[in-house]
Amino acid sequence: MLARFAVVGVVAVAGSVASAAPISYGNLSGTTVSYLGITEDQSTENPALQIPLFGAPTISGNSLRFSPTSFGANSVNGVPDITDGTLTTTIQSSSGNFIPTIQFSESGDYTLLGSGTANTRVWVGLAYFVDVLEVNGAPVTVPTLSGSGVFAPLSGDFNLVNPGPTFLGLWTGGANIDVSAHLAANNISGQATRVRVTIDNQLVAVSEAGTVAFIKKKEIGGVAITVIPSPASLALVGLGGLVATRRRR
């Protein structure tokens, strides 16, 4: 059973929460970056029952993609539910490339059923923590960059009274993390070449007597971490492809 906590206006369900050992997915290499030490972790009432939430990732270009099959929160008859999963990876750029911007994106759906009030609700949340480990290949010490995601519609917070045009709906969201701006704000010149990223993701469902609240991440490509290359890096990639094409001729 997934851990349950109090949310706004809801009394927490009793029960101890423990952290199980992280699930490791190894390393994957993209076009101009590699994702190293990819792991997911979660908080559960019983660590022995931990199952993958995000699942094993794949890579496309510079995008690390997950297809969650078990990341959902379901509340029936007044018992609140929260599912909390954390992704961690170290991003390493290849020679001559940098990590100026990191994008996190996700999507899913929700269901609200029954005769209740706005206290029957579902919510999606995201917190991120970014540590720049190297600039231009050299170790640096920079304050952690942290923030939260943005979701739509209705800021990713839906209830039985105001869920939009339907009680069955879709949501999207994520965050754009400007690593270069963070370095500049801390008076560090150069570009990030090695970055550690931690993303804590939550789905919350709260119901009342006689109602159901359910929220889930999309199963196919529903979560992605993507490094957006700098214009200089894009030019280098394009030039490399042009040279390869000429050589084949």
C-alpha atoms as a PDB file:
ATOM      1  CA  MET A   1       0.000   0.000   0.000  1.00  0.00           C
ATOM      2  CA  LEU A   2       1.264   3.439  -0.878  1.00  0.00           C
ATOM      3  CA  ALA A   3       1.981   5.942   1.857  1.00  0.00           C
ATOM      4  CA  ARG A   4      -0.841   8.309   2.813  1.00  0.00           C
ATOM      5  CA  PHE A   5      -0.373  11.790   4.212  1.00  0.00           C
ATOM      6  CA  ALA A   6      -2.506  14.789   5.136  1.00  0.00           C
ATOM      7  CA  VAL A   7      -3.282  17.366   2.481  1.00  0.00           C
ATOM      8  CA  VAL A   8      -5.224  20.622   2.781  1.00  0.00           C
ATOM      9  CA  GLY A   9      -8.248  20.065   5.006  1.00  0.00           C
ATOM     10  CA  VAL A  10      -7.654  16.311   5.371  1.00  0.00           C
ATOM     11  CA  VAL A  11      -6.591  14.364   8.442  1.00  0.00           C
ATOM     12  CA  ALA A  12      -3.581  12.142   7.820  1.00  0.00           C
ATOM     13  CA  VAL A  13      -4.012   8.402   7.926  1.00  0.00           C
ATOM     14  CA  ALA A  14      -1.885   6.837  10.636  1.00  0.00           C
ATOM     15  CA  GLY A  15       1.017   4.648   9.583  1.00  0.00           C
ATOM     16  CA  SER A  16       4.772   4.720   9.567  1.00  0.00           C
ATOM     17  CA  VAL A  17       6.555   5.585   6.343  1.00  0.00           C
ATOM     18  CA  ALA A  18       9.866   4.030   5.346  1.00  0.00           C
ATOM     19  CA  SER A  19      12.244   4.537   2.460  1.00  0.00           C
ATOM     20  CA  ALA A  20      13.179   1.480   0.429  1.00  0.00           C
ATOM     21  CA  ALA A  21      16.388   0.961  -1.510  1.00  0.00           C
ATOM     22  CA  PRO A  22      16.493   2.931  -4.786  1.00  0.00           C
ATOM     23  CA  ILE A  23      15.839   1.107  -8.063  1.00  0.00           C
ATOM     24  CA  SER A  24      18.767   1.516 -10.451  1.00  0.00           C
ATOM     25  CA  TYR A  25      18.474   1.822 -14.239  1.00  0.00           C
ATOM     26  CA  GLY A  26      22.165   2.333 -15.028  1.00  0.00           C
ATOM     27  CA  ASN A  27      23.443   4.750 -17.689  1.00  0.00           C
ATOM     28  CA  LEU A  28      22.087   5.885 -21.062  1.00  0.00           C
ATOM     29  CA  SER A  29      23.803   7.993 -23.742  1.00  0.00           C
ATOM     30  CA  GLY A  30      22.025  10.597 -25.842  1.00  0.00           C
ATOM     31  CA  THR A  31      23.130  12.799 -28.745  1.00  0.00           C
ATOM     32  CA  THR A  32      25.269  15.282 -26.790  1.00  0.00           C
ATOM     33  CA  VAL A  33      24.772  14.161 -23.163  1.00  0.00           C
ATOM     34  CA  SER A  34      24.790  10.982 -21.077  1.00  0.00           C
ATOM     35  CA  TYR A  35      22.480  10.228 -18.169  1.00  0.00           C
ATOM     36  CA  LEU A  36      24.485   8.457 -15.464  1.00  0.00           C
ATOM     37  CA  GLY A  37      23.364   6.560 -12.389  1.00  0.00           C
ATOM     38  CA  ILE A  38      19.649   6.784 -13.196  1.00  0.00           C
ATOM     39  CA  THR A  39      17.622   5.781 -10.129  1.00  0.00           C
ATOM     40  CA  GLU A  40      14.102   6.061  -8.809  1.00  0.00           C
ATOM     41  CA  ASP A  41      13.072   5.992  -5.165  1.00  0.00           C
ATOM     42  CA  GLN A  42       9.814   6.214  -3.271  1.00  0.00           C
ATOM     43  CA  SER A  43       8.362   6.326   0.238  1.00  0.00           C
ATOM     44  CA  THR A  44       6.138   3.405   1.206  1.00  0.00           C
ATOM     45  CA  GLU A  45       4.509   2.029   4.318  1.00  0.00           C
ATOM     46  CA  ASN A  46       6.258  -1.259   3.588  1.00  0.00           C
ATOM     47  CA  PRO A  47       9.604  -1.090   1.704  1.00  0.00           C
ATOM     48  CA  ALA A  48       9.252  -4.761   0.739  1.00  0.00           C
ATOM     49  CA  LEU A  49       6.253  -3.813  -1.409  1.00  0.00           C
ATOM     50  CA  GLN A  50       8.098  -1.208  -3.477  1.00  0.00           C
ATOM     51  CA  ILE A  51       7.344  -1.468  -7.190  1.00  0.00           C
ATOM     52  CA  PRO A  52       8.720   0.720  -9.994  1.00  0.00           C
ATOM     53  CA  LEU A  53       6.679   3.890 -10.433  1.00  0.00           C
ATOM     54  CA  PHE A  54       8.487   5.500 -13.368  1.00  0.00           C
ATOM     55  CA  GLY A  55       9.836   2.244 -14.852  1.00  0.00           C
ATOM     56  CA  ALA A  56      12.937   1.643 -16.963  1.00  0.00           C
ATOM     57  CA  PRO A  57      13.694   4.638 -19.219  1.00  0.00           C
ATOM     58  CA  THR A  58      14.585   4.852 -22.889  1.00  0.00           C
ATOM     59  CA  ILE A  59      16.479   7.627 -24.657  1.00  0.00           C
ATOM     60  CA  SER A  60      15.708   9.620 -27.786  1.00  0.00           C
ATOM     61  CA  GLY A  61      18.118  12.362 -28.813  1.00  0.00           C
ATOM     62  CA  ASN A  62      18.882  14.163 -25.565  1.00  0.00           C
ATOM     63  CA  SER A  63      15.589  13.142 -23.952  1.00  0.00           C
ATOM     64  CA  LEU A  64      15.345  10.540 -21.169  1.00  0.00           C
ATOM     65  CA  ARG A  65      11.835   9.120 -21.405  1.00  0.00           C
ATOM     66  CA  PHE A  66       9.788   7.100 -18.918  1.00  0.00           C
ATOM     67  CA  SER A  67       6.502   5.269 -19.473  1.00  0.00           C
ATOM     68  CA  PRO A  68       4.939   4.874 -15.999  1.00  0.00           C
ATOM     69  CA  THR A  69       2.479   2.007 -15.558  1.00  0.00           C
ATOM     70  CA  SER A  70       2.019   2.126 -11.769  1.00  0.00           C
ATOM     71  CA  PHE A  71       2.284   5.831 -10.905  1.00  0.00           C
ATOM     72  CA  GLY A  72      -1.183   6.771  -9.718  1.00  0.00           C
ATOM     73  CA  ALA A  73      -3.155   7.790  -6.621  1.00  0.00           C
ATOM     74  CA  ASN A  74      -6.636   6.453  -5.883  1.00  0.00           C
ATOM     75  CA  SER A  75      -8.983   7.566  -3.089  1.00  0.00           C
ATOM     76  CA  VAL A  76     -12.378   5.996  -2.309  1.00  0.00           C
ATOM     77  CA  ASN A  77     -14.905   6.837   0.436  1.00  0.00           C
ATOM     78  CA  GLY A  78     -12.786   9.379   2.298  1.00  0.00           C
ATOM     79  CA  VAL A  79      -9.416   7.602   2.508  1.00  0.00           C
ATOM     80  CA  PRO A  80      -6.732   9.962   1.077  1.00  0.00           C
ATOM     81  CA  ASP A  81      -3.850   8.593  -0.970  1.00  0.00           C
ATOM     82  CA  ILE A  82      -0.516  10.025  -2.070  1.00  0.00           C
ATOM     83  CA  THR A  83       2.103   8.512  -4.340  1.00  0.00           C
ATOM     84  CA  ASP A  84       5.572  10.041  -4.084  1.00  0.00           C
ATOM     85  CA  GLY A  85       8.420   9.093  -6.426  1.00  0.00           C
ATOM     86  CA  THR A  86      11.877  10.577  -6.909  1.00  0.00           C
ATOM     87  CA  LEU A  87      14.100  10.449  -9.985  1.00  0.00           C
ATOM     88  CA  THR A  88      17.848  11.109  -9.705  1.00  0.00           C
ATOM     89  CA  THR A  89      20.514  11.197 -12.417  1.00  0.00           C
ATOM     90  CA  THR A  90      23.817  12.887 -13.216  1.00  0.00           C
ATOM     91  CA  ILE A  91      23.928  14.485 -16.661  1.00  0.00           C
ATOM     92  CA  GLN A  92      27.339  14.585 -18.384  1.00  0.00           C
ATOM     93  CA  SER A  93      27.842  16.499 -21.617  1.00  0.00           C
ATOM     94  CA  SER A  94      30.044  15.121 -24.366  1.00  0.00           C
ATOM     95  CA  SER A  95      33.198  16.955 -25.463  1.00  0.00           C
ATOM     96  CA  GLY A  96      32.466  20.397 -26.894  1.00  0.00           C
ATOM     97  CA  ASN A  97      28.882  20.429 -25.619  1.00  0.00           C
ATOM     98  CA  PHE A  98      27.157  21.967 -22.606  1.00  0.00           C
ATOM     99  CA  ILE A  99      24.034  21.748 -20.450  1.00  0.00           C
ATOM    100  CA  PRO A 100      22.392  25.194 -20.658  1.00  0.00           C
ATOM    101  CA  THR A 101      18.752  24.208 -20.101  1.00  0.00           C
ATOM    102  CA  ILE A 102      17.024  21.163 -18.641  1.00  0.00           C
ATOM    103  CA  GLN A 103      13.358  20.534 -19.331  1.00  0.00           C
ATOM    104  CA  PHE A 104      11.115  18.243 -17.324  1.00  0.00           C
ATOM    105  CA  SER A 105       7.719  17.346 -18.773  1.00  0.00           C
ATOM    106  CA  GLU A 106       4.908  14.965 -17.890  1.00  0.00           C
ATOM    107  CA  SER A 107       1.250  14.268 -18.593  1.00  0.00           C
ATOM    108  CA  GLY A 108      -1.621  12.152 -17.393  1.00  0.00           C
ATOM    109  CA  ASP A 109      -5.331  11.944 -16.672  1.00  0.00           C
ATOM    110  CA  TYR A 110      -7.741  12.116 -13.738  1.00  0.00           C
ATOM    111  CA  THR A 111     -11.227  10.886 -12.773  1.00  0.00           C
ATOM    112  CA  LEU A 112     -13.663  12.347 -10.197  1.00  0.00           C
ATOM    113  CA  LEU A 113     -16.913  10.483  -9.503  1.00  0.00           C
ATOM    114  CA  GLY A 114     -19.830  10.670  -7.064  1.00  0.00           C
ATOM    115  CA  SER A 115     -21.949  13.263  -5.307  1.00  0.00           C
ATOM    116  CA  GLY A 116     -19.630  15.362  -3.176  1.00  0.00           C
ATOM    117  CA  THR A 117     -17.977  18.735  -2.687  1.00  0.00           C
ATOM    118  CA  ALA A 118     -14.710  20.415  -3.622  1.00  0.00           C
ATOM    119  CA  ASN A 119     -13.088  18.242  -0.942  1.00  0.00           C
ATOM    120  CA  THR A 120     -13.098  15.398  -3.468  1.00  0.00           C
ATOM    121  CA  ARG A 121     -10.007  16.360  -5.409  1.00  0.00           C
ATOM    122  CA  VAL A 122      -6.791  15.273  -7.125  1.00  0.00           C
ATOM    123  CA  TRP A 123      -3.518  17.162  -7.437  1.00  0.00           C
ATOM    124  CA  VAL A 124      -0.130  16.792  -9.129  1.00  0.00           C
ATOM    125  CA  GLY A 125       3.073  18.355  -7.815  1.00  0.00           C
ATOM    126  CA  LEU A 126       6.753  18.543  -8.718  1.00  0.00           C
ATOM    127  CA  ALA A 127       9.855  19.789  -6.905  1.00  0.00           C
ATOM    128  CA  TYR A 128      13.294  19.810  -8.536  1.00  0.00           C
ATOM    129  CA  PHE A 129      16.844  20.198  -7.227  1.00  0.00           C
ATOM    130  CA  VAL A 130      19.784  20.837  -9.574  1.00  0.00           C
ATOM    131  CA  ASP A 131      23.449  20.789  -8.538  1.00  0.00           C
ATOM    132  CA  VAL A 132      26.048  21.955 -11.063  1.00  0.00           C
ATOM    133  CA  LEU A 133      29.120  19.782 -10.499  1.00  0.00           C
ATOM    134  CA  GLU A 134      31.395  20.962 -13.318  1.00  0.00           C
ATOM    135  CA  VAL A 135      31.736  24.059 -15.494  1.00  0.00           C
ATOM    136  CA  ASN A 136      33.796  23.715 -18.697  1.00  0.00           C
ATOM    137  CA  GLY A 137      34.989  20.372 -17.348  1.00  0.00           C
ATOM    138  CA  ALA A 138      36.306  21.720 -14.026  1.00  0.00           C
ATOM    139  CA  PRO A 139      34.726  21.037 -10.587  1.00  0.00           C
ATOM    140  CA  VAL A 140      32.764  23.926  -9.064  1.00  0.00           C
ATOM    141  CA  THR A 141      30.729  24.640  -5.949  1.00  0.00           C
ATOM    142  CA  VAL A 142      27.413  26.314  -6.710  1.00  0.00           C
ATOM    143  CA  PRO A 143      24.310  26.690  -4.528  1.00  0.00           C
ATOM    144  CA  THR A 144      21.587  24.183  -5.334  1.00  0.00           C
ATOM    145  CA  LEU A 145      18.996  25.412  -7.823  1.00  0.00           C
ATOM    146  CA  SER A 146      15.516  24.376  -6.699  1.00  0.00           C
ATOM    147  CA  GLY A 147      11.960  25.111  -7.695  1.00  0.00           C
ATOM    148  CA  SER A 148       8.559  23.642  -8.506  1.00  0.00           C
ATOM    149  CA  GLY A 149       6.733  22.637 -11.642  1.00  0.00           C
ATOM    150  CA  VAL A 150       3.838  24.346 -13.410  1.00  0.00           C
ATOM    151  CA  PHE A 151       0.748  22.391 -14.461  1.00  0.00           C
ATOM    152  CA  ALA A 152      -2.361  22.994 -16.570  1.00  0.00           C
ATOM    153  CA  PRO A 153      -5.253  23.277 -16.624  1.00  0.00           C
ATOM    154  CA  LEU A 154      -6.264  24.646 -13.203  1.00  0.00           C
ATOM    155  CA  SER A 155      -2.645  24.406 -11.968  1.00  0.00           C
ATOM    156  CA  GLY A 156      -3.004  20.619 -11.858  1.00  0.00           C
ATOM    157  CA  ASP A 157      -5.502  20.813  -8.971  1.00  0.00           C
ATOM    158  CA  PHE A 158      -8.950  19.404  -9.823  1.00  0.00           C
ATOM    159  CA  ASN A 159     -12.017  18.911  -7.631  1.00  0.00           C
ATOM    160  CA  LEU A 160     -15.521  17.539  -7.972  1.00  0.00           C
ATOM    161  CA  VAL A 161     -17.066  21.019  -8.159  1.00  0.00           C
ATOM    162  CA  ASN A 162     -14.638  22.708 -10.544  1.00  0.00           C
ATOM    163  CA  PRO A 163     -12.706  20.176 -12.610  1.00  0.00           C
ATOM    164  CA  GLY A 164     -13.252  21.972 -15.903  1.00  0.00           C
ATOM    165  CA  PRO A 165     -15.693  20.841 -18.610  1.00  0.00           C
ATOM    166  CA  THR A 166     -15.646  17.175 -17.572  1.00  0.00           C
ATOM    167  CA  PHE A 167     -15.027  14.923 -14.581  1.00  0.00           C
ATOM    168  CA  LEU A 168     -12.713  12.874 -16.802  1.00  0.00           C
ATOM    169  CA  GLY A 169      -9.790  15.031 -17.886  1.00  0.00           C
ATOM    170  CA  LEU A 170      -6.188  15.352 -18.988  1.00  0.00           C
ATOM    171  CA  TRP A 171      -3.320  17.345 -17.478  1.00  0.00           C
ATOM    172  CA  THR A 172       0.176  18.345 -18.554  1.00  0.00           C
ATOM    173  CA  GLY A 173       3.045  20.145 -16.882  1.00  0.00           C
ATOM    174  CA  GLY A 174       6.681  20.306 -15.925  1.00  0.00           C
ATOM    175  CA  ALA A 175       9.530  22.779 -15.530  1.00  0.00           C
ATOM    176  CA  ASN A 176      12.181  24.572 -17.590  1.00  0.00           C
ATOM    177  CA  ILE A 177      15.427  24.853 -15.625  1.00  0.00           C
ATOM    178  CA  ASP A 178      17.797  27.574 -16.880  1.00  0.00           C
ATOM    179  CA  VAL A 179      21.182  26.287 -15.739  1.00  0.00           C
ATOM    180  CA  SER A 180      23.165  28.999 -17.558  1.00  0.00           C
ATOM    181  CA  ALA A 181      21.167  31.778 -15.866  1.00  0.00           C
ATOM    182  CA  HIS A 182      21.775  30.124 -12.488  1.00  0.00           C
ATOM    183  CA  LEU A 183      25.543  30.163 -13.091  1.00  0.00           C
ATOM    184  CA  ALA A 184      25.454  33.796 -14.200  1.00  0.00           C
ATOM    185  CA  ALA A 185      23.441  34.752 -11.099  1.00  0.00           C
ATOM    186  CA  ASN A 186      26.216  33.247  -8.973  1.00  0.00           C
ATOM    187  CA  ASN A 187      28.956  35.097 -10.911  1.00  0.00           C
ATOM    188  CA  ILE A 188      30.337  31.938 -12.508  1.00  0.00           C
ATOM    189  CA  SER A 189      31.507  32.208 -16.103  1.00  0.00           C
ATOM    190  CA  GLY A 190      31.418  29.291 -18.490  1.00  0.00           C
ATOM    191  CA  GLN A 191      28.861  26.561 -19.182  1.00  0.00           C
ATOM    192  CA  ALA A 192      27.745  23.558 -17.159  1.00  0.00           C
ATOM    193  CA  THR A 193      29.202  20.247 -18.324  1.00  0.00           C
ATOM    194  CA  ARG A 194      28.147  17.972 -15.444  1.00  0.00           C
ATOM    195  CA  VAL A 195      24.904  18.375 -13.473  1.00  0.00           C
ATOM    196  CA  ARG A 196      23.085  16.261 -10.908  1.00  0.00           C
ATOM    197  CA  VAL A 197      19.280  16.399 -11.093  1.00  0.00           C
ATOM    198  CA  THR A 198      16.754  15.219  -8.501  1.00  0.00           C
ATOM    199  CA  ILE A 199      13.041  15.408  -9.254  1.00  0.00           C
ATOM    200  CA  ASP A 200      10.443  14.658  -6.566  1.00  0.00           C
ATOM    201  CA  ASN A 201       7.019  13.988  -8.050  1.00  0.00           C
ATOM    202  CA  GLN A 202       3.700  13.571  -6.227  1.00  0.00           C
ATOM    203  CA  LEU A 203       0.157  12.577  -7.084  1.00  0.00           C
ATOM    204  CA  VAL A 204      -2.526  13.195  -4.439  1.00  0.00           C
ATOM    205  CA  ALA A 205      -6.116  11.934  -4.334  1.00  0.00           C
ATOM    206  CA  VAL A 206      -8.696  12.858  -1.683  1.00  0.00           C
ATOM    207  CA  SER A 207     -12.335  11.704  -1.542  1.00  0.00           C
ATOM    208  CA  GLU A 208     -15.446  11.839   0.629  1.00  0.00           C
ATOM    209  CA  ALA A 209     -18.049   9.233   1.537  1.00  0.00           C
ATOM    210  CA  GLY A 210     -19.592   8.018  -1.703  1.00  0.00           C
ATOM    211  CA  THR A 211     -16.995   9.586  -4.020  1.00  0.00           C
ATOM    212  CA  VAL A 212     -13.942   8.466  -5.958  1.00  0.00           C
ATOM    213  CA  ALA A 213     -10.853  10.476  -6.879  1.00  0.00           C
ATOM    214  CA  PHE A 214      -8.159   9.055  -9.174  1.00  0.00           C
ATOM    215  CA  ILE A 215      -5.118  10.559 -10.916  1.00  0.00           C
ATOM    216  CA  LYS A 216      -2.436   8.850 -12.988  1.00  0.00           C
ATOM    217  CA  LYS A 217       0.564   9.556 -15.176  1.00  0.00           C
ATOM    218  CA  LYS A 218       0.353   8.756 -18.874  1.00  0.00           C
ATOM    219  CA  GLU A 219       1.681   5.274 -19.580  1.00  0.00           C
ATOM    220  CA  ILE A 220       3.429   5.921 -22.916  1.00  0.00           C
ATOM    221  CA  GLY A 221       6.187   8.556 -22.742  1.00  0.00           C
ATOM    222  CA  GLY A 222       4.399  10.235 -19.853  1.00  0.00           C
ATOM    223  CA  VAL A 223       7.553  11.593 -18.177  1.00  0.00           C
ATOM    224  CA  ALA A 224      10.688  13.036 -19.800  1.00  0.00           C
ATOM    225  CA  ILE A 225      13.914  14.797 -18.814  1.00  0.00           C
ATOM    226  CA  THR A 226      15.458  16.651 -21.756  1.00  0.00           C
ATOM    227  CA  VAL A 227      18.634  18.697 -22.136  1.00  0.00           C
ATOM    228  CA  ILE A 228      18.104  21.568 -24.577  1.00  0.00           C
ATOM    229  CA  PRO A 229      21.494  22.177 -26.288  1.00  0.00           C
ATOM    230  CA  SER A 230      22.916  25.661 -26.731  1.00  0.00           C
ATOM    231  CA  PRO A 231      22.819  27.162 -30.260  1.00  0.00           C
ATOM    232  CA  ALA A 232      26.590  26.563 -30.510  1.00  0.00           C
ATOM    233  CA  SER A 233      26.119  22.880 -29.679  1.00  0.00           C
ATOM    234  CA  LEU A 234      23.340  22.576 -32.245  1.00  0.00           C
ATOM    235  CA  ALA A 235      25.574  24.135 -34.859  1.00  0.00           C
ATOM    236  CA  LEU A 236      28.330  21.644 -34.068  1.00  0.00           C
ATOM    237  CA  VAL A 237      25.909  18.718 -34.328  1.00  0.00           C
ATOM    238  CA  GLY A 238      24.624  20.014 -37.655  1.00  0.00           C
ATOM    239  CA  LEU A 239      28.151  20.567 -38.960  1.00  0.00           C
ATOM    240  CA  GLY A 240      29.124  17.062 -37.946  1.00  0.00           C
ATOM    241  CA  GLY A 241      26.183  15.649 -39.891  1.00  0.00           C
ATOM    242  CA  LEU A 242      27.075  17.754 -42.931  1.00  0.00           C
ATOM    243  CA  VAL A 243      30.670  16.537 -42.885  1.00  0.00           C
ATOM    244  CA  ALA A 244      29.523  12.935 -42.571  1.00  0.00           C
ATOM    245  CA  THR A 245      27.182  13.384 -45.538  1.00  0.00           C
ATOM    246  CA  ARG A 246      29.966  14.848 -47.704  1.00  0.00           C
ATOM    247  CA  ARG A 247      32.284  11.982 -46.763  1.00  0.00           C
ATOM    248  CA  ARG A 248      29.672   9.423 -47.811  1.00  0.00           C
ATOM    249  CA  ARG A 249      29.476  11.122 -51.199  1.00  0.00           C
END
